[in-house]
Amino acid sequence: MKTLQRYLQEFADDDGDVECRSYSGRFMYGRSCVALTGSSERVFALLGELLAEFLDDLYHKGTAHEDVLLPAFKQYARILMDFRQDQMGLGTVIYWPQLNWEEDQSDAPEVADE
């Protein structure tokens, strides 16, 4: 299963108006996490599209066993909805301090330890 960072990166690349990047927000003391930047409208639209994609992707490509499917979707949805937001010039940045930015996605963990 893809990491959240990989999903966010792919959706941002396809969108073209939203960028997935590393970000160090307030009280993160230089640690970098996963973030989306762009206009508020596009960033939040992309987040909604991604949540809809998770449901479809988990159902069609993942296991059809509901005991596995439902918790996996709930985990991703809970993480995605637990974002922080800052203003960035004329745009918005939403970020997830619990998702460490990983340069190499081949062995990246899905969720950072809290």
N, C-alpha and C. Protein backbone atom coordinates (compact mmCIF):
# COMPACT_ATOMS: atom_id res chain seq x y z
N MET A 1 0.84 -1.17 0.00
CA MET A 1 0.00 0.00 0.00
C MET A 1 0.90 1.25 0.00
N LYS A 2 0.50 2.24 -0.73
CA LYS A 2 1.28 3.47 -0.83
C LYS A 2 1.29 4.22 0.50
N THR A 3 2.35 4.98 0.72
CA THR A 3 2.39 5.86 1.88
C THR A 3 1.50 7.08 1.60
N LEU A 4 1.12 7.76 2.65
CA LEU A 4 0.34 8.98 2.47
C LEU A 4 1.13 10.02 1.70
N GLN A 5 2.42 10.12 1.96
CA GLN A 5 3.22 11.09 1.23
C GLN A 5 3.20 10.80 -0.27
N ARG A 6 3.28 9.54 -0.64
CA ARG A 6 3.25 9.20 -2.06
C ARG A 6 1.90 9.53 -2.68
N TYR A 7 0.81 9.21 -1.98
CA TYR A 7 -0.52 9.58 -2.48
C TYR A 7 -0.62 11.09 -2.68
N LEU A 8 -0.22 11.84 -1.66
CA LEU A 8 -0.30 13.31 -1.73
C LEU A 8 0.55 13.85 -2.88
N GLN A 9 1.74 13.29 -3.04
CA GLN A 9 2.64 13.74 -4.12
C GLN A 9 2.02 13.48 -5.49
N GLU A 10 1.47 12.29 -5.69
CA GLU A 10 0.86 11.95 -6.98
C GLU A 10 -0.34 12.84 -7.29
N PHE A 11 -1.18 13.08 -6.30
CA PHE A 11 -2.36 13.92 -6.52
C PHE A 11 -1.95 15.36 -6.81
N ALA A 12 -0.95 15.86 -6.08
CA ALA A 12 -0.48 17.23 -6.32
C ALA A 12 0.15 17.34 -7.70
N ASP A 13 0.93 16.34 -8.11
CA ASP A 13 1.54 16.37 -9.45
C ASP A 13 0.47 16.39 -10.53
N ASP A 14 -0.58 15.58 -10.36
CA ASP A 14 -1.67 15.54 -11.34
C ASP A 14 -2.46 16.84 -11.36
N ASP A 15 -2.60 17.48 -10.21
CA ASP A 15 -3.38 18.71 -10.11
C ASP A 15 -2.67 19.88 -10.78
N GLY A 16 -1.39 20.03 -10.54
CA GLY A 16 -0.63 21.11 -11.14
C GLY A 16 -0.69 22.44 -10.41
N ASP A 17 -1.75 22.69 -9.64
CA ASP A 17 -1.88 23.95 -8.90
C ASP A 17 -1.57 23.78 -7.42
N VAL A 18 -1.31 22.55 -7.00
CA VAL A 18 -0.99 22.25 -5.61
C VAL A 18 0.37 21.56 -5.60
N GLU A 19 1.18 21.91 -4.61
CA GLU A 19 2.51 21.31 -4.48
C GLU A 19 2.58 20.52 -3.18
N CYS A 20 3.12 19.30 -3.26
CA CYS A 20 3.43 18.50 -2.08
C CYS A 20 4.91 18.72 -1.80
N ARG A 21 5.22 19.13 -0.57
CA ARG A 21 6.60 19.48 -0.25
C ARG A 21 6.87 19.26 1.23
N SER A 22 8.13 19.38 1.59
CA SER A 22 8.47 19.33 3.01
C SER A 22 8.17 20.69 3.63
N TYR A 23 7.85 20.68 4.91
CA TYR A 23 7.49 21.93 5.59
C TYR A 23 7.83 21.77 7.07
N SER A 24 8.31 22.82 7.65
CA SER A 24 8.58 22.84 9.08
C SER A 24 7.71 23.92 9.70
N GLY A 25 6.63 23.50 10.31
CA GLY A 25 5.66 24.43 10.88
C GLY A 25 6.05 24.91 12.25
N ARG A 26 5.15 25.70 12.82
CA ARG A 26 5.37 26.24 14.16
C ARG A 26 5.55 25.11 15.18
N PHE A 27 6.48 25.31 16.09
CA PHE A 27 6.78 24.38 17.18
C PHE A 27 7.29 23.02 16.69
N MET A 28 7.81 22.97 15.48
CA MET A 28 8.37 21.71 14.96
C MET A 28 9.89 21.68 15.10
N TYR A 29 10.48 22.81 15.46
CA TYR A 29 11.90 22.91 15.77
C TYR A 29 12.80 22.34 14.68
N GLY A 30 12.47 22.70 13.43
CA GLY A 30 13.30 22.31 12.29
C GLY A 30 12.99 20.95 11.69
N ARG A 31 12.13 20.16 12.33
CA ARG A 31 11.76 18.85 11.76
C ARG A 31 10.85 19.09 10.57
N SER A 32 11.04 18.32 9.51
CA SER A 32 10.24 18.49 8.29
C SER A 32 9.14 17.44 8.20
N CYS A 33 7.96 17.90 7.78
CA CYS A 33 6.83 17.00 7.61
C CYS A 33 6.23 17.19 6.23
N VAL A 34 5.24 16.40 5.91
CA VAL A 34 4.55 16.44 4.62
C VAL A 34 3.55 17.60 4.63
N ALA A 35 3.50 18.35 3.52
CA ALA A 35 2.61 19.50 3.42
C ALA A 35 2.09 19.64 1.99
N LEU A 36 0.94 20.30 1.87
CA LEU A 36 0.39 20.71 0.58
C LEU A 36 0.31 22.22 0.57
N THR A 37 0.71 22.85 -0.53
CA THR A 37 0.62 24.30 -0.66
C THR A 37 -0.12 24.66 -1.94
N GLY A 38 -0.81 25.78 -1.90
CA GLY A 38 -1.55 26.27 -3.05
C GLY A 38 -2.68 27.16 -2.57
N SER A 39 -3.61 27.45 -3.46
CA SER A 39 -4.77 28.24 -3.04
C SER A 39 -5.62 27.38 -2.10
N SER A 40 -6.29 28.03 -1.15
CA SER A 40 -7.13 27.29 -0.20
C SER A 40 -8.13 26.40 -0.94
N GLU A 41 -8.73 26.96 -1.96
CA GLU A 41 -9.74 26.22 -2.73
C GLU A 41 -9.17 24.93 -3.31
N ARG A 42 -8.01 25.01 -3.96
CA ARG A 42 -7.41 23.83 -4.61
C ARG A 42 -6.87 22.84 -3.59
N VAL A 43 -6.25 23.34 -2.52
CA VAL A 43 -5.68 22.44 -1.50
C VAL A 43 -6.78 21.59 -0.87
N PHE A 44 -7.88 22.23 -0.49
CA PHE A 44 -8.95 21.48 0.17
C PHE A 44 -9.74 20.62 -0.81
N ALA A 45 -9.85 21.05 -2.06
CA ALA A 45 -10.48 20.20 -3.08
C ALA A 45 -9.65 18.94 -3.30
N LEU A 46 -8.33 19.10 -3.36
CA LEU A 46 -7.45 17.94 -3.55
C LEU A 46 -7.56 16.99 -2.37
N LEU A 47 -7.64 17.52 -1.16
CA LEU A 47 -7.79 16.68 0.02
C LEU A 47 -9.07 15.85 -0.06
N GLY A 48 -10.17 16.46 -0.49
CA GLY A 48 -11.42 15.73 -0.65
C GLY A 48 -11.33 14.66 -1.73
N GLU A 49 -10.68 15.00 -2.84
CA GLU A 49 -10.51 14.03 -3.92
C GLU A 49 -9.67 12.84 -3.46
N LEU A 50 -8.66 13.12 -2.66
CA LEU A 50 -7.80 12.04 -2.16
C LEU A 50 -8.55 11.12 -1.22
N LEU A 51 -9.38 11.68 -0.35
CA LEU A 51 -10.18 10.84 0.54
C LEU A 51 -11.13 9.94 -0.26
N ALA A 52 -11.72 10.48 -1.30
CA ALA A 52 -12.60 9.67 -2.16
C ALA A 52 -11.80 8.58 -2.86
N GLU A 53 -10.59 8.89 -3.29
CA GLU A 53 -9.74 7.91 -3.96
C GLU A 53 -9.34 6.78 -3.02
N PHE A 54 -9.08 7.11 -1.75
CA PHE A 54 -8.73 6.06 -0.79
C PHE A 54 -9.83 5.03 -0.69
N LEU A 55 -11.04 5.49 -0.61
CA LEU A 55 -12.16 4.56 -0.50
C LEU A 55 -12.21 3.64 -1.73
N ASP A 56 -12.08 4.23 -2.91
CA ASP A 56 -12.11 3.45 -4.14
C ASP A 56 -10.89 2.53 -4.25
N ASP A 57 -9.71 3.06 -3.96
CA ASP A 57 -8.47 2.29 -4.08
C ASP A 57 -8.44 1.12 -3.11
N LEU A 58 -8.81 1.36 -1.89
CA LEU A 58 -8.80 0.30 -0.89
C LEU A 58 -9.82 -0.79 -1.22
N TYR A 59 -10.94 -0.39 -1.77
CA TYR A 59 -11.98 -1.36 -2.11
C TYR A 59 -11.57 -2.22 -3.31
N HIS A 60 -11.04 -1.60 -4.36
CA HIS A 60 -10.76 -2.32 -5.58
C HIS A 60 -9.38 -2.96 -5.65
N LYS A 61 -8.38 -2.37 -5.00
CA LYS A 61 -7.03 -2.92 -5.09
C LYS A 61 -6.59 -3.58 -3.80
N GLY A 62 -7.22 -3.23 -2.72
CA GLY A 62 -6.87 -3.82 -1.44
C GLY A 62 -7.69 -5.08 -1.21
N THR A 63 -7.70 -5.52 0.00
CA THR A 63 -8.49 -6.69 0.33
C THR A 63 -9.97 -6.32 0.40
N ALA A 64 -10.81 -7.25 0.04
CA ALA A 64 -12.26 -7.02 0.12
C ALA A 64 -12.77 -7.42 1.50
N HIS A 65 -11.88 -7.86 2.38
CA HIS A 65 -12.27 -8.28 3.72
C HIS A 65 -12.51 -7.04 4.57
N GLU A 66 -13.74 -6.80 4.96
CA GLU A 66 -14.13 -5.56 5.62
C GLU A 66 -13.35 -5.28 6.90
N ASP A 67 -12.95 -6.33 7.63
CA ASP A 67 -12.21 -6.12 8.87
C ASP A 67 -10.86 -5.46 8.62
N VAL A 68 -10.28 -5.65 7.45
CA VAL A 68 -9.01 -5.02 7.10
C VAL A 68 -9.26 -3.70 6.39
N LEU A 69 -10.21 -3.66 5.49
CA LEU A 69 -10.50 -2.48 4.68
C LEU A 69 -10.91 -1.28 5.51
N LEU A 70 -11.86 -1.45 6.37
CA LEU A 70 -12.40 -0.33 7.13
C LEU A 70 -11.37 0.32 8.05
N PRO A 71 -10.61 -0.45 8.83
CA PRO A 71 -9.59 0.20 9.67
C PRO A 71 -8.51 0.93 8.85
N ALA A 72 -8.13 0.39 7.71
CA ALA A 72 -7.11 1.05 6.88
C ALA A 72 -7.64 2.39 6.37
N PHE A 73 -8.86 2.43 5.89
CA PHE A 73 -9.45 3.68 5.41
C PHE A 73 -9.59 4.68 6.56
N LYS A 74 -10.06 4.20 7.71
CA LYS A 74 -10.23 5.08 8.86
C LYS A 74 -8.90 5.68 9.31
N GLN A 75 -7.83 4.87 9.29
CA GLN A 75 -6.52 5.37 9.69
C GLN A 75 -6.06 6.51 8.78
N TYR A 76 -6.13 6.31 7.48
CA TYR A 76 -5.72 7.35 6.54
C TYR A 76 -6.60 8.59 6.68
N ALA A 77 -7.90 8.40 6.79
CA ALA A 77 -8.82 9.53 6.90
C ALA A 77 -8.56 10.32 8.18
N ARG A 78 -8.34 9.62 9.30
CA ARG A 78 -8.05 10.31 10.57
C ARG A 78 -6.78 11.13 10.46
N ILE A 79 -5.76 10.55 9.86
CA ILE A 79 -4.49 11.26 9.72
C ILE A 79 -4.68 12.49 8.82
N LEU A 80 -5.33 12.31 7.68
CA LEU A 80 -5.50 13.43 6.76
C LEU A 80 -6.33 14.56 7.35
N MET A 81 -7.29 14.24 8.18
CA MET A 81 -8.13 15.29 8.76
C MET A 81 -7.49 15.93 9.99
N ASP A 82 -6.36 15.40 10.43
CA ASP A 82 -5.65 15.96 11.58
C ASP A 82 -4.49 16.82 11.09
N PHE A 83 -4.81 17.82 10.29
CA PHE A 83 -3.79 18.70 9.71
C PHE A 83 -3.73 20.02 10.46
N ARG A 84 -2.66 20.74 10.22
CA ARG A 84 -2.53 22.12 10.69
C ARG A 84 -2.47 23.00 9.45
N GLN A 85 -2.78 24.26 9.63
CA GLN A 85 -2.85 25.18 8.49
C GLN A 85 -2.14 26.49 8.82
N ASP A 86 -1.38 26.99 7.86
CA ASP A 86 -0.75 28.31 7.94
C ASP A 86 -1.01 29.03 6.64
N GLN A 87 -0.88 30.35 6.67
CA GLN A 87 -0.96 31.15 5.45
C GLN A 87 0.45 31.27 4.88
N MET A 88 0.56 31.22 3.57
CA MET A 88 1.85 31.29 2.91
C MET A 88 1.71 32.27 1.76
N GLY A 89 2.02 33.54 2.01
CA GLY A 89 1.82 34.56 0.98
C GLY A 89 0.35 34.67 0.66
N LEU A 90 0.01 34.48 -0.61
CA LEU A 90 -1.39 34.52 -1.02
C LEU A 90 -2.05 33.15 -0.96
N GLY A 91 -1.28 32.14 -0.58
CA GLY A 91 -1.81 30.78 -0.56
C GLY A 91 -1.91 30.22 0.85
N THR A 92 -2.16 28.93 0.89
CA THR A 92 -2.33 28.19 2.14
C THR A 92 -1.38 27.02 2.15
N VAL A 93 -0.94 26.66 3.33
CA VAL A 93 -0.20 25.40 3.50
C VAL A 93 -0.94 24.61 4.57
N ILE A 94 -1.25 23.35 4.24
CA ILE A 94 -1.75 22.43 5.25
C ILE A 94 -0.67 21.38 5.42
N TYR A 95 -0.45 20.99 6.67
CA TYR A 95 0.65 20.07 6.93
C TYR A 95 0.30 19.10 8.06
N TRP A 96 1.02 18.01 8.07
CA TRP A 96 0.79 16.92 9.00
C TRP A 96 2.07 16.67 9.79
N PRO A 97 2.19 17.24 11.00
CA PRO A 97 3.41 17.06 11.79
C PRO A 97 3.72 15.60 12.09
N GLN A 98 2.70 14.74 12.12
CA GLN A 98 2.92 13.33 12.42
C GLN A 98 3.46 12.54 11.22
N LEU A 99 3.50 13.16 10.03
CA LEU A 99 4.02 12.49 8.83
C LEU A 99 5.38 13.10 8.48
N ASN A 100 6.44 12.43 8.89
CA ASN A 100 7.78 12.91 8.56
C ASN A 100 7.99 12.93 7.06
N TRP A 101 8.65 13.98 6.56
CA TRP A 101 8.99 14.06 5.14
C TRP A 101 10.10 13.06 4.86
N GLU A 102 9.89 12.19 3.90
CA GLU A 102 10.87 11.17 3.51
C GLU A 102 11.36 11.47 2.10
N GLU A 103 12.66 11.70 1.95
CA GLU A 103 13.23 11.95 0.63
C GLU A 103 13.13 10.72 -0.26
N ASP A 104 13.46 9.56 0.31
CA ASP A 104 13.43 8.29 -0.43
C ASP A 104 12.17 7.55 -0.04
N GLN A 105 11.24 7.40 -0.96
CA GLN A 105 9.95 6.77 -0.66
C GLN A 105 9.97 5.25 -0.76
N SER A 106 11.11 4.64 -1.11
CA SER A 106 11.13 3.19 -1.30
C SER A 106 10.88 2.44 0.00
N ASP A 107 11.40 2.93 1.12
CA ASP A 107 11.22 2.26 2.42
C ASP A 107 10.62 3.17 3.45
N ALA A 108 9.85 4.16 3.02
CA ALA A 108 9.33 5.16 3.95
C ALA A 108 8.26 4.58 4.84
N PRO A 109 8.29 4.93 6.14
CA PRO A 109 7.22 4.51 7.03
C PRO A 109 5.95 5.27 6.69
N GLU A 110 4.81 4.67 7.00
CA GLU A 110 3.54 5.32 6.67
C GLU A 110 3.18 6.42 7.66
N VAL A 111 3.48 6.23 8.93
CA VAL A 111 3.11 7.21 9.94
C VAL A 111 4.28 7.36 10.90
N ALA A 112 4.63 8.59 11.24
CA ALA A 112 5.72 8.83 12.20
C ALA A 112 5.26 8.49 13.59
N ASP A 113 6.20 8.08 14.43
CA ASP A 113 5.90 7.85 15.83
C ASP A 113 5.55 9.15 16.50
N GLU A 114 4.55 9.12 17.36
CA GLU A 114 4.17 10.36 18.07
C GLU A 114 4.80 10.37 19.43
